[in-house]
Amino acid sequence: MDRYRNIRTLKNTQGIEYYRGTKYPEIPLSENDIYVITVIGDRLDILANSYYGDPTLYWIISAANPSQSFSSMYLTEGSQLRIPNNISNVLAAYNALNS
């Protein structure tokens, strides 16, 4: 999924196009969510590919765990992460916020 597909572009006074700020939806807890404890070598994109079949959806895991500090794709070993299981609602909310 191209997460920038529905985001409008703007032009500055020099005519240079840029994306406006991306908005991410709040992801409510669900009894279907999956919880994992990270191990050495885990990355957001690898987890997204494992659970969603698409590494570009790493931002869903990041948005679902706002208390975590994600300074890179690599994760701190031993952290508990919530992985939303039903992403269709998340993607619909994301597209609604950014269209």
N, C-alpha and C. Protein backbone atom coordinates (compact mmCIF):
# COMPACT_ATOMS: atom_id res chain seq x y z
N MET A 1 0.84 -1.18 0.00
CA MET A 1 0.00 0.00 0.00
C MET A 1 0.88 1.24 0.00
N ASP A 2 0.63 2.13 -0.90
CA ASP A 2 1.34 3.39 -0.94
C ASP A 2 0.64 4.36 0.00
N ARG A 3 1.22 4.58 1.19
CA ARG A 3 0.54 5.40 2.18
C ARG A 3 0.48 6.86 1.81
N TYR A 4 1.20 7.29 0.79
CA TYR A 4 1.15 8.68 0.35
C TYR A 4 0.17 8.89 -0.81
N ARG A 5 -0.46 7.83 -1.26
CA ARG A 5 -1.34 7.90 -2.41
C ARG A 5 -2.43 8.95 -2.25
N ASN A 6 -3.07 9.01 -1.08
CA ASN A 6 -4.19 9.92 -0.89
C ASN A 6 -3.81 11.25 -0.24
N ILE A 7 -2.55 11.47 -0.03
CA ILE A 7 -2.13 12.71 0.62
C ILE A 7 -1.92 13.78 -0.44
N ARG A 8 -2.59 14.90 -0.24
CA ARG A 8 -2.49 15.99 -1.20
C ARG A 8 -1.10 16.61 -1.16
N THR A 9 -0.69 17.10 -2.30
CA THR A 9 0.57 17.83 -2.36
C THR A 9 0.26 19.32 -2.40
N LEU A 10 1.20 20.09 -1.92
CA LEU A 10 1.09 21.55 -1.92
C LEU A 10 2.29 22.10 -2.68
N LYS A 11 2.21 23.36 -3.09
CA LYS A 11 3.34 24.01 -3.75
C LYS A 11 3.74 25.23 -2.94
N ASN A 12 5.03 25.41 -2.79
CA ASN A 12 5.50 26.61 -2.10
C ASN A 12 5.60 27.76 -3.10
N THR A 13 6.06 28.90 -2.65
CA THR A 13 6.10 30.08 -3.52
C THR A 13 7.05 29.93 -4.70
N GLN A 14 8.02 29.00 -4.59
CA GLN A 14 8.93 28.74 -5.71
C GLN A 14 8.39 27.67 -6.66
N GLY A 15 7.19 27.16 -6.38
CA GLY A 15 6.58 26.16 -7.24
C GLY A 15 7.01 24.74 -6.95
N ILE A 16 7.71 24.52 -5.84
CA ILE A 16 8.17 23.18 -5.48
C ILE A 16 7.05 22.45 -4.76
N GLU A 17 6.74 21.24 -5.24
CA GLU A 17 5.69 20.44 -4.63
C GLU A 17 6.21 19.69 -3.42
N TYR A 18 5.36 19.54 -2.42
CA TYR A 18 5.68 18.76 -1.24
C TYR A 18 4.40 18.20 -0.66
N TYR A 19 4.55 17.13 0.12
CA TYR A 19 3.40 16.53 0.78
C TYR A 19 3.03 17.36 2.00
N ARG A 20 1.74 17.52 2.22
CA ARG A 20 1.33 18.18 3.46
C ARG A 20 1.53 17.18 4.59
N GLY A 21 1.42 17.60 5.81
CA GLY A 21 1.66 16.73 6.96
C GLY A 21 0.76 15.50 6.96
N THR A 22 1.35 14.38 7.27
CA THR A 22 0.60 13.13 7.33
C THR A 22 -0.05 13.01 8.70
N LYS A 23 -1.31 12.59 8.71
CA LYS A 23 -2.04 12.38 9.96
C LYS A 23 -2.25 10.88 10.14
N TYR A 24 -2.02 10.41 11.36
CA TYR A 24 -2.18 9.00 11.65
C TYR A 24 -3.36 8.81 12.60
N PRO A 25 -4.19 7.80 12.36
CA PRO A 25 -5.36 7.59 13.22
C PRO A 25 -4.97 6.97 14.57
N GLU A 26 -5.80 7.21 15.56
CA GLU A 26 -5.65 6.47 16.80
C GLU A 26 -6.16 5.06 16.53
N ILE A 27 -5.48 4.09 17.08
CA ILE A 27 -5.83 2.70 16.82
C ILE A 27 -6.37 2.11 18.11
N PRO A 28 -7.70 1.91 18.17
CA PRO A 28 -8.28 1.40 19.42
C PRO A 28 -7.86 -0.03 19.72
N LEU A 29 -7.84 -0.35 21.01
CA LEU A 29 -7.54 -1.72 21.42
C LEU A 29 -8.62 -2.66 20.91
N SER A 30 -8.23 -3.87 20.62
CA SER A 30 -9.16 -4.90 20.17
C SER A 30 -8.77 -6.22 20.82
N GLU A 31 -9.75 -7.04 21.08
CA GLU A 31 -9.44 -8.36 21.65
C GLU A 31 -8.71 -9.24 20.64
N ASN A 32 -8.70 -8.83 19.38
CA ASN A 32 -8.00 -9.58 18.33
C ASN A 32 -6.56 -9.14 18.13
N ASP A 33 -6.12 -8.10 18.86
CA ASP A 33 -4.74 -7.64 18.74
C ASP A 33 -3.78 -8.75 19.17
N ILE A 34 -2.61 -8.71 18.61
CA ILE A 34 -1.55 -9.67 18.92
C ILE A 34 -0.48 -8.92 19.71
N TYR A 35 0.06 -9.56 20.71
CA TYR A 35 1.13 -8.96 21.50
C TYR A 35 2.39 -9.81 21.34
N VAL A 36 3.50 -9.15 21.09
CA VAL A 36 4.78 -9.84 20.93
C VAL A 36 5.83 -9.20 21.83
N ILE A 37 6.80 -9.98 22.22
CA ILE A 37 7.98 -9.48 22.91
C ILE A 37 9.11 -9.49 21.88
N THR A 38 9.74 -8.36 21.68
CA THR A 38 10.75 -8.25 20.65
C THR A 38 12.04 -8.98 21.03
N VAL A 39 12.73 -9.45 20.01
CA VAL A 39 14.03 -10.11 20.17
C VAL A 39 15.06 -9.36 19.34
N ILE A 40 16.32 -9.69 19.54
CA ILE A 40 17.40 -9.04 18.78
C ILE A 40 17.14 -9.23 17.29
N GLY A 41 17.25 -8.15 16.56
CA GLY A 41 17.07 -8.19 15.11
C GLY A 41 15.67 -7.85 14.65
N ASP A 42 14.70 -7.75 15.56
CA ASP A 42 13.36 -7.36 15.15
C ASP A 42 13.37 -5.92 14.65
N ARG A 43 12.60 -5.70 13.60
CA ARG A 43 12.43 -4.36 13.04
C ARG A 43 10.95 -4.18 12.74
N LEU A 44 10.51 -2.92 12.72
CA LEU A 44 9.10 -2.64 12.43
C LEU A 44 8.68 -3.18 11.07
N ASP A 45 9.51 -2.97 10.06
CA ASP A 45 9.13 -3.42 8.72
C ASP A 45 9.09 -4.94 8.60
N ILE A 46 9.97 -5.62 9.32
CA ILE A 46 9.96 -7.09 9.28
C ILE A 46 8.71 -7.62 9.97
N LEU A 47 8.34 -7.02 11.11
CA LEU A 47 7.11 -7.44 11.79
C LEU A 47 5.89 -7.16 10.91
N ALA A 48 5.86 -6.00 10.28
CA ALA A 48 4.73 -5.68 9.40
C ALA A 48 4.63 -6.68 8.25
N ASN A 49 5.76 -7.05 7.70
CA ASN A 49 5.74 -8.04 6.62
C ASN A 49 5.27 -9.40 7.13
N SER A 50 5.70 -9.76 8.34
CA SER A 50 5.30 -11.06 8.91
C SER A 50 3.80 -11.12 9.19
N TYR A 51 3.24 -10.04 9.74
CA TYR A 51 1.85 -10.05 10.16
C TYR A 51 0.88 -9.54 9.10
N TYR A 52 1.33 -8.65 8.23
CA TYR A 52 0.43 -8.06 7.24
C TYR A 52 0.79 -8.41 5.80
N GLY A 53 1.97 -9.01 5.60
CA GLY A 53 2.41 -9.32 4.24
C GLY A 53 2.85 -8.09 3.47
N ASP A 54 3.13 -6.99 4.18
CA ASP A 54 3.52 -5.75 3.52
C ASP A 54 4.41 -4.94 4.46
N PRO A 55 5.70 -4.84 4.17
CA PRO A 55 6.59 -4.12 5.08
C PRO A 55 6.31 -2.63 5.17
N THR A 56 5.63 -2.05 4.17
CA THR A 56 5.34 -0.61 4.21
C THR A 56 4.28 -0.25 5.24
N LEU A 57 3.64 -1.25 5.82
CA LEU A 57 2.62 -0.99 6.85
C LEU A 57 3.22 -0.94 8.24
N TYR A 58 4.53 -0.77 8.32
CA TYR A 58 5.21 -0.68 9.62
C TYR A 58 4.64 0.43 10.48
N TRP A 59 4.13 1.48 9.85
CA TRP A 59 3.61 2.63 10.59
C TRP A 59 2.41 2.26 11.44
N ILE A 60 1.67 1.20 11.09
CA ILE A 60 0.52 0.78 11.89
C ILE A 60 1.01 0.28 13.25
N ILE A 61 2.06 -0.51 13.25
CA ILE A 61 2.61 -1.01 14.51
C ILE A 61 3.16 0.16 15.33
N SER A 62 3.82 1.09 14.67
CA SER A 62 4.35 2.25 15.36
C SER A 62 3.22 3.08 15.98
N ALA A 63 2.17 3.34 15.22
CA ALA A 63 1.05 4.15 15.72
C ALA A 63 0.28 3.44 16.83
N ALA A 64 0.28 2.12 16.82
CA ALA A 64 -0.44 1.35 17.85
C ALA A 64 0.32 1.29 19.17
N ASN A 65 1.56 1.74 19.16
CA ASN A 65 2.41 1.69 20.34
C ASN A 65 3.00 3.07 20.63
N PRO A 66 2.15 4.06 20.94
CA PRO A 66 2.64 5.43 21.11
C PRO A 66 3.60 5.61 22.29
N SER A 67 3.58 4.71 23.25
CA SER A 67 4.47 4.86 24.40
C SER A 67 5.90 4.40 24.08
N GLN A 68 6.08 3.72 22.96
CA GLN A 68 7.41 3.26 22.55
C GLN A 68 8.15 4.38 21.84
N SER A 69 9.44 4.42 22.00
CA SER A 69 10.27 5.39 21.29
C SER A 69 10.87 4.69 20.08
N PHE A 70 10.44 5.08 18.89
CA PHE A 70 10.94 4.47 17.67
C PHE A 70 11.87 5.46 16.97
N SER A 71 13.14 5.42 17.34
CA SER A 71 14.10 6.30 16.69
C SER A 71 14.66 5.67 15.42
N SER A 72 14.37 4.39 15.23
CA SER A 72 14.78 3.70 14.01
C SER A 72 13.84 2.52 13.80
N MET A 73 14.06 1.79 12.74
CA MET A 73 13.26 0.60 12.47
C MET A 73 13.59 -0.53 13.44
N TYR A 74 14.82 -0.50 13.99
CA TYR A 74 15.21 -1.54 14.93
C TYR A 74 14.53 -1.34 16.27
N LEU A 75 14.17 -2.45 16.89
CA LEU A 75 13.43 -2.40 18.15
C LEU A 75 14.30 -2.83 19.31
N THR A 76 14.00 -2.28 20.47
CA THR A 76 14.72 -2.65 21.67
C THR A 76 14.30 -4.05 22.09
N GLU A 77 15.27 -4.91 22.31
CA GLU A 77 15.00 -6.28 22.72
C GLU A 77 14.20 -6.29 24.03
N GLY A 78 13.19 -7.15 24.09
CA GLY A 78 12.39 -7.32 25.30
C GLY A 78 11.22 -6.38 25.43
N SER A 79 10.96 -5.54 24.42
CA SER A 79 9.81 -4.64 24.45
C SER A 79 8.55 -5.40 24.05
N GLN A 80 7.45 -5.06 24.71
CA GLN A 80 6.16 -5.64 24.30
C GLN A 80 5.50 -4.70 23.31
N LEU A 81 5.09 -5.24 22.17
CA LEU A 81 4.42 -4.46 21.13
C LEU A 81 3.04 -5.01 20.87
N ARG A 82 2.12 -4.11 20.65
CA ARG A 82 0.77 -4.49 20.22
C ARG A 82 0.73 -4.42 18.71
N ILE A 83 0.27 -5.49 18.10
CA ILE A 83 0.13 -5.54 16.65
C ILE A 83 -1.35 -5.68 16.33
N PRO A 84 -1.97 -4.60 15.82
CA PRO A 84 -3.39 -4.67 15.47
C PRO A 84 -3.62 -5.77 14.44
N ASN A 85 -4.66 -6.55 14.67
CA ASN A 85 -4.93 -7.67 13.78
C ASN A 85 -5.85 -7.29 12.62
N ASN A 86 -6.80 -6.40 12.87
CA ASN A 86 -7.73 -6.00 11.82
C ASN A 86 -7.31 -4.64 11.28
N ILE A 87 -6.54 -4.65 10.21
CA ILE A 87 -5.99 -3.38 9.73
C ILE A 87 -6.89 -2.68 8.72
N SER A 88 -7.95 -3.31 8.27
CA SER A 88 -8.81 -2.65 7.27
C SER A 88 -9.41 -1.37 7.84
N ASN A 89 -9.83 -1.38 9.11
CA ASN A 89 -10.37 -0.16 9.72
C ASN A 89 -9.29 0.89 9.90
N VAL A 90 -8.09 0.47 10.22
CA VAL A 90 -6.96 1.40 10.39
C VAL A 90 -6.66 2.08 9.06
N LEU A 91 -6.59 1.31 7.99
CA LEU A 91 -6.30 1.87 6.68
C LEU A 91 -7.41 2.81 6.22
N ALA A 92 -8.67 2.46 6.49
CA ALA A 92 -9.79 3.34 6.12
C ALA A 92 -9.71 4.67 6.88
N ALA A 93 -9.39 4.60 8.18
CA ALA A 93 -9.27 5.82 8.99
C ALA A 93 -8.10 6.67 8.50
N TYR A 94 -6.99 6.03 8.17
CA TYR A 94 -5.82 6.74 7.66
C TYR A 94 -6.17 7.48 6.36
N ASN A 95 -6.84 6.77 5.44
CA ASN A 95 -7.20 7.38 4.16
C ASN A 95 -8.19 8.52 4.36
N ALA A 96 -9.13 8.38 5.30
CA ALA A 96 -10.08 9.45 5.56
C ALA A 96 -9.39 10.70 6.12
N LEU A 97 -8.42 10.51 6.99
CA LEU A 97 -7.69 11.64 7.58
C LEU A 97 -6.81 12.36 6.56
N ASN A 98 -6.36 11.65 5.55
CA ASN A 98 -5.36 12.21 4.64
C ASN A 98 -5.85 12.44 3.21
N SER A 99 -7.14 12.39 3.02
CA SER A 99 -7.63 12.63 1.65
C SER A 99 -8.20 14.01 1.51
